[in-house]
Amino acid sequence: MKSAELVTDKIVDYFNNVDLEERDEQTGKCVNKVSDIQKAMENAAKQIEVLKQIESLVKKEITEQSQIRAGATEGFVPDLN
């Protein structure tokens, strides 16, 4: 899960640092084409959805594995005074 989050952070950093004005010195053409960036953003949006699904599955599995005994309420802290 953490690996997926790290990759997502790197993707966000990439988009934050893309220079749409950068040109190839030899040809004068744009290095970062807008259409390529748009495709990458679409793929990133799909990646975020996959990450959310993975997170949901992990939370569900953790919840199923940590069953509360004797009908206790999760998060209940008895007053010992």
N, C-alpha and C. Protein backbone atom coordinates (compact mmCIF):
# COMPACT_ATOMS: atom_id res chain seq x y z
N MET A 1 0.83 -1.19 0.00
CA MET A 1 0.00 0.00 0.00
C MET A 1 0.88 1.26 0.00
N LYS A 2 1.89 1.26 0.84
CA LYS A 2 2.77 2.43 0.91
C LYS A 2 3.52 2.63 -0.40
N SER A 3 3.88 1.54 -1.05
CA SER A 3 4.58 1.64 -2.34
C SER A 3 3.71 2.35 -3.36
N ALA A 4 2.44 1.99 -3.39
CA ALA A 4 1.51 2.61 -4.34
C ALA A 4 1.36 4.10 -4.04
N GLU A 5 1.33 4.45 -2.76
CA GLU A 5 1.22 5.86 -2.40
C GLU A 5 2.48 6.64 -2.80
N LEU A 6 3.65 6.01 -2.64
CA LEU A 6 4.89 6.67 -3.04
C LEU A 6 4.93 6.92 -4.54
N VAL A 7 4.48 5.94 -5.31
CA VAL A 7 4.44 6.10 -6.77
C VAL A 7 3.48 7.23 -7.14
N THR A 8 2.34 7.27 -6.48
CA THR A 8 1.36 8.33 -6.75
C THR A 8 1.96 9.70 -6.42
N ASP A 9 2.70 9.79 -5.32
CA ASP A 9 3.34 11.05 -4.97
C ASP A 9 4.35 11.48 -6.04
N LYS A 10 5.08 10.51 -6.57
CA LYS A 10 6.06 10.83 -7.62
C LYS A 10 5.37 11.31 -8.89
N ILE A 11 4.22 10.73 -9.19
CA ILE A 11 3.45 11.16 -10.36
C ILE A 11 2.98 12.60 -10.17
N VAL A 12 2.50 12.91 -8.99
CA VAL A 12 2.05 14.28 -8.69
C VAL A 12 3.23 15.25 -8.82
N ASP A 13 4.39 14.85 -8.29
CA ASP A 13 5.58 15.69 -8.42
C ASP A 13 5.93 15.92 -9.89
N TYR A 14 5.81 14.88 -10.70
CA TYR A 14 6.09 14.99 -12.13
C TYR A 14 5.20 16.06 -12.76
N PHE A 15 3.89 15.99 -12.49
CA PHE A 15 2.97 16.96 -13.07
C PHE A 15 3.24 18.37 -12.55
N ASN A 16 3.65 18.48 -11.30
CA ASN A 16 3.96 19.80 -10.75
C ASN A 16 5.20 20.43 -11.38
N ASN A 17 6.07 19.59 -11.93
CA ASN A 17 7.33 20.10 -12.47
C ASN A 17 7.44 20.06 -13.99
N VAL A 18 6.38 19.69 -14.69
CA VAL A 18 6.43 19.64 -16.15
C VAL A 18 6.54 21.06 -16.71
N ASP A 19 7.48 21.25 -17.59
CA ASP A 19 7.69 22.54 -18.24
C ASP A 19 7.16 22.44 -19.67
N LEU A 20 6.00 23.02 -19.91
CA LEU A 20 5.39 22.97 -21.24
C LEU A 20 6.09 23.88 -22.24
N GLU A 21 6.96 24.73 -21.76
CA GLU A 21 7.71 25.64 -22.63
C GLU A 21 9.07 25.08 -23.03
N GLU A 22 9.48 23.96 -22.43
CA GLU A 22 10.79 23.39 -22.72
C GLU A 22 10.86 22.93 -24.17
N ARG A 23 11.96 23.29 -24.84
CA ARG A 23 12.14 22.96 -26.26
C ARG A 23 13.41 22.14 -26.46
N ASP A 24 13.37 21.27 -27.45
CA ASP A 24 14.55 20.52 -27.86
C ASP A 24 15.50 21.52 -28.53
N GLU A 25 16.74 21.54 -28.09
CA GLU A 25 17.69 22.53 -28.62
C GLU A 25 17.98 22.34 -30.10
N GLN A 26 17.97 21.11 -30.57
CA GLN A 26 18.30 20.85 -31.97
C GLN A 26 17.12 21.09 -32.91
N THR A 27 15.93 20.66 -32.48
CA THR A 27 14.77 20.75 -33.39
C THR A 27 13.87 21.94 -33.09
N GLY A 28 13.91 22.44 -31.87
CA GLY A 28 13.02 23.53 -31.49
C GLY A 28 11.62 23.07 -31.14
N LYS A 29 11.38 21.76 -31.19
CA LYS A 29 10.05 21.22 -30.87
C LYS A 29 9.87 21.10 -29.36
N CYS A 30 8.60 21.13 -28.95
CA CYS A 30 8.28 20.96 -27.53
C CYS A 30 8.75 19.60 -27.05
N VAL A 31 9.37 19.58 -25.89
CA VAL A 31 9.81 18.32 -25.28
C VAL A 31 8.61 17.63 -24.64
N ASN A 32 7.76 18.40 -23.98
CA ASN A 32 6.59 17.87 -23.29
C ASN A 32 5.33 18.29 -24.05
N LYS A 33 4.80 17.37 -24.84
CA LYS A 33 3.60 17.67 -25.62
C LYS A 33 2.38 17.65 -24.71
N VAL A 34 1.49 18.60 -24.95
CA VAL A 34 0.27 18.71 -24.16
C VAL A 34 -0.54 17.42 -24.26
N SER A 35 -0.62 16.84 -25.44
CA SER A 35 -1.40 15.60 -25.61
C SER A 35 -0.82 14.45 -24.78
N ASP A 36 0.50 14.39 -24.69
CA ASP A 36 1.14 13.36 -23.87
C ASP A 36 0.85 13.59 -22.39
N ILE A 37 0.88 14.84 -21.98
CA ILE A 37 0.58 15.18 -20.59
C ILE A 37 -0.87 14.84 -20.26
N GLN A 38 -1.79 15.12 -21.19
CA GLN A 38 -3.20 14.80 -20.97
C GLN A 38 -3.40 13.29 -20.81
N LYS A 39 -2.75 12.51 -21.66
CA LYS A 39 -2.85 11.05 -21.55
C LYS A 39 -2.29 10.57 -20.22
N ALA A 40 -1.18 11.15 -19.81
CA ALA A 40 -0.57 10.77 -18.54
C ALA A 40 -1.50 11.13 -17.37
N MET A 41 -2.18 12.26 -17.48
CA MET A 41 -3.12 12.67 -16.43
C MET A 41 -4.31 11.73 -16.36
N GLU A 42 -4.80 11.29 -17.51
CA GLU A 42 -5.90 10.32 -17.53
C GLU A 42 -5.47 9.02 -16.86
N ASN A 43 -4.27 8.58 -17.18
CA ASN A 43 -3.75 7.36 -16.56
C ASN A 43 -3.55 7.55 -15.06
N ALA A 44 -3.14 8.73 -14.65
CA ALA A 44 -2.95 9.01 -13.23
C ALA A 44 -4.29 8.97 -12.50
N ALA A 45 -5.33 9.49 -13.14
CA ALA A 45 -6.67 9.46 -12.53
C ALA A 45 -7.12 8.02 -12.33
N LYS A 46 -6.84 7.17 -13.32
CA LYS A 46 -7.18 5.75 -13.19
C LYS A 46 -6.38 5.12 -12.06
N GLN A 47 -5.11 5.50 -11.94
CA GLN A 47 -4.25 4.97 -10.88
C GLN A 47 -4.79 5.35 -9.51
N ILE A 48 -5.29 6.56 -9.37
CA ILE A 48 -5.86 7.02 -8.10
C ILE A 48 -7.07 6.18 -7.73
N GLU A 49 -7.92 5.87 -8.71
CA GLU A 49 -9.09 5.03 -8.45
C GLU A 49 -8.66 3.63 -8.01
N VAL A 50 -7.65 3.08 -8.67
CA VAL A 50 -7.14 1.76 -8.29
C VAL A 50 -6.59 1.81 -6.87
N LEU A 51 -5.89 2.87 -6.54
CA LEU A 51 -5.32 3.04 -5.21
C LEU A 51 -6.43 3.09 -4.15
N LYS A 52 -7.51 3.79 -4.45
CA LYS A 52 -8.65 3.86 -3.52
C LYS A 52 -9.27 2.48 -3.32
N GLN A 53 -9.38 1.69 -4.39
CA GLN A 53 -9.93 0.34 -4.29
C GLN A 53 -9.03 -0.54 -3.43
N ILE A 54 -7.72 -0.43 -3.64
CA ILE A 54 -6.77 -1.22 -2.85
C ILE A 54 -6.89 -0.83 -1.37
N GLU A 55 -6.95 0.46 -1.11
CA GLU A 55 -7.07 0.94 0.27
C GLU A 55 -8.33 0.40 0.93
N SER A 56 -9.42 0.41 0.20
CA SER A 56 -10.68 -0.11 0.72
C SER A 56 -10.58 -1.60 1.04
N LEU A 57 -9.95 -2.37 0.15
CA LEU A 57 -9.78 -3.79 0.39
C LEU A 57 -8.89 -4.06 1.60
N VAL A 58 -7.83 -3.28 1.75
CA VAL A 58 -6.93 -3.45 2.89
C VAL A 58 -7.66 -3.15 4.19
N LYS A 59 -8.43 -2.07 4.21
CA LYS A 59 -9.19 -1.72 5.42
C LYS A 59 -10.20 -2.81 5.75
N LYS A 60 -10.86 -3.34 4.74
CA LYS A 60 -11.85 -4.40 4.95
C LYS A 60 -11.18 -5.64 5.52
N GLU A 61 -10.02 -6.00 4.98
CA GLU A 61 -9.31 -7.18 5.46
C GLU A 61 -8.84 -6.99 6.90
N ILE A 62 -8.35 -5.80 7.22
CA ILE A 62 -7.91 -5.52 8.59
C ILE A 62 -9.08 -5.60 9.54
N THR A 63 -10.21 -5.07 9.15
CA THR A 63 -11.41 -5.11 9.99
C THR A 63 -11.86 -6.54 10.23
N GLU A 64 -11.84 -7.35 9.18
CA GLU A 64 -12.25 -8.75 9.31
C GLU A 64 -11.30 -9.53 10.21
N GLN A 65 -10.01 -9.19 10.16
CA GLN A 65 -9.02 -9.91 10.95
C GLN A 65 -9.04 -9.51 12.42
N SER A 66 -9.48 -8.32 12.71
CA SER A 66 -9.47 -7.84 14.10
C SER A 66 -10.89 -7.80 14.64
N GLN A 67 -11.45 -8.96 14.84
CA GLN A 67 -12.81 -9.05 15.37
C GLN A 67 -12.80 -8.69 16.85
N ILE A 68 -13.82 -7.99 17.26
CA ILE A 68 -13.94 -7.57 18.65
C ILE A 68 -14.65 -8.68 19.42
N ARG A 69 -14.12 -9.02 20.58
CA ARG A 69 -14.66 -10.12 21.37
C ARG A 69 -15.79 -9.66 22.28
N ALA A 70 -16.67 -10.59 22.61
CA ALA A 70 -17.76 -10.42 23.59
C ALA A 70 -18.67 -9.24 23.28
N GLY A 71 -18.81 -8.91 22.03
CA GLY A 71 -19.73 -7.85 21.63
C GLY A 71 -19.31 -6.46 22.06
N ALA A 72 -18.03 -6.28 22.39
CA ALA A 72 -17.54 -4.97 22.80
C ALA A 72 -17.65 -3.98 21.64
N THR A 73 -17.68 -2.73 21.97
CA THR A 73 -17.75 -1.68 20.96
C THR A 73 -16.34 -1.17 20.67
N GLU A 74 -16.00 -1.10 19.40
CA GLU A 74 -14.68 -0.62 19.01
C GLU A 74 -14.51 0.83 19.43
N GLY A 75 -13.38 1.13 20.04
CA GLY A 75 -13.09 2.48 20.46
C GLY A 75 -13.61 2.82 21.85
N PHE A 76 -14.34 1.88 22.48
CA PHE A 76 -14.89 2.13 23.83
C PHE A 76 -13.77 1.99 24.85
N VAL A 77 -13.62 3.01 25.69
CA VAL A 77 -12.64 2.97 26.77
C VAL A 77 -13.40 3.10 28.07
N PRO A 78 -13.38 2.05 28.90
CA PRO A 78 -14.14 2.10 30.15
C PRO A 78 -13.53 3.10 31.12
N ASP A 79 -14.40 3.71 31.93
CA ASP A 79 -13.95 4.65 32.96
C ASP A 79 -13.56 3.84 34.18
N LEU A 80 -12.29 3.84 34.53
CA LEU A 80 -11.78 3.02 35.63
C LEU A 80 -11.76 3.77 36.95
N ASN A 81 -12.33 4.95 37.00
CA ASN A 81 -12.33 5.72 38.26
C ASN A 81 -13.49 5.36 39.12
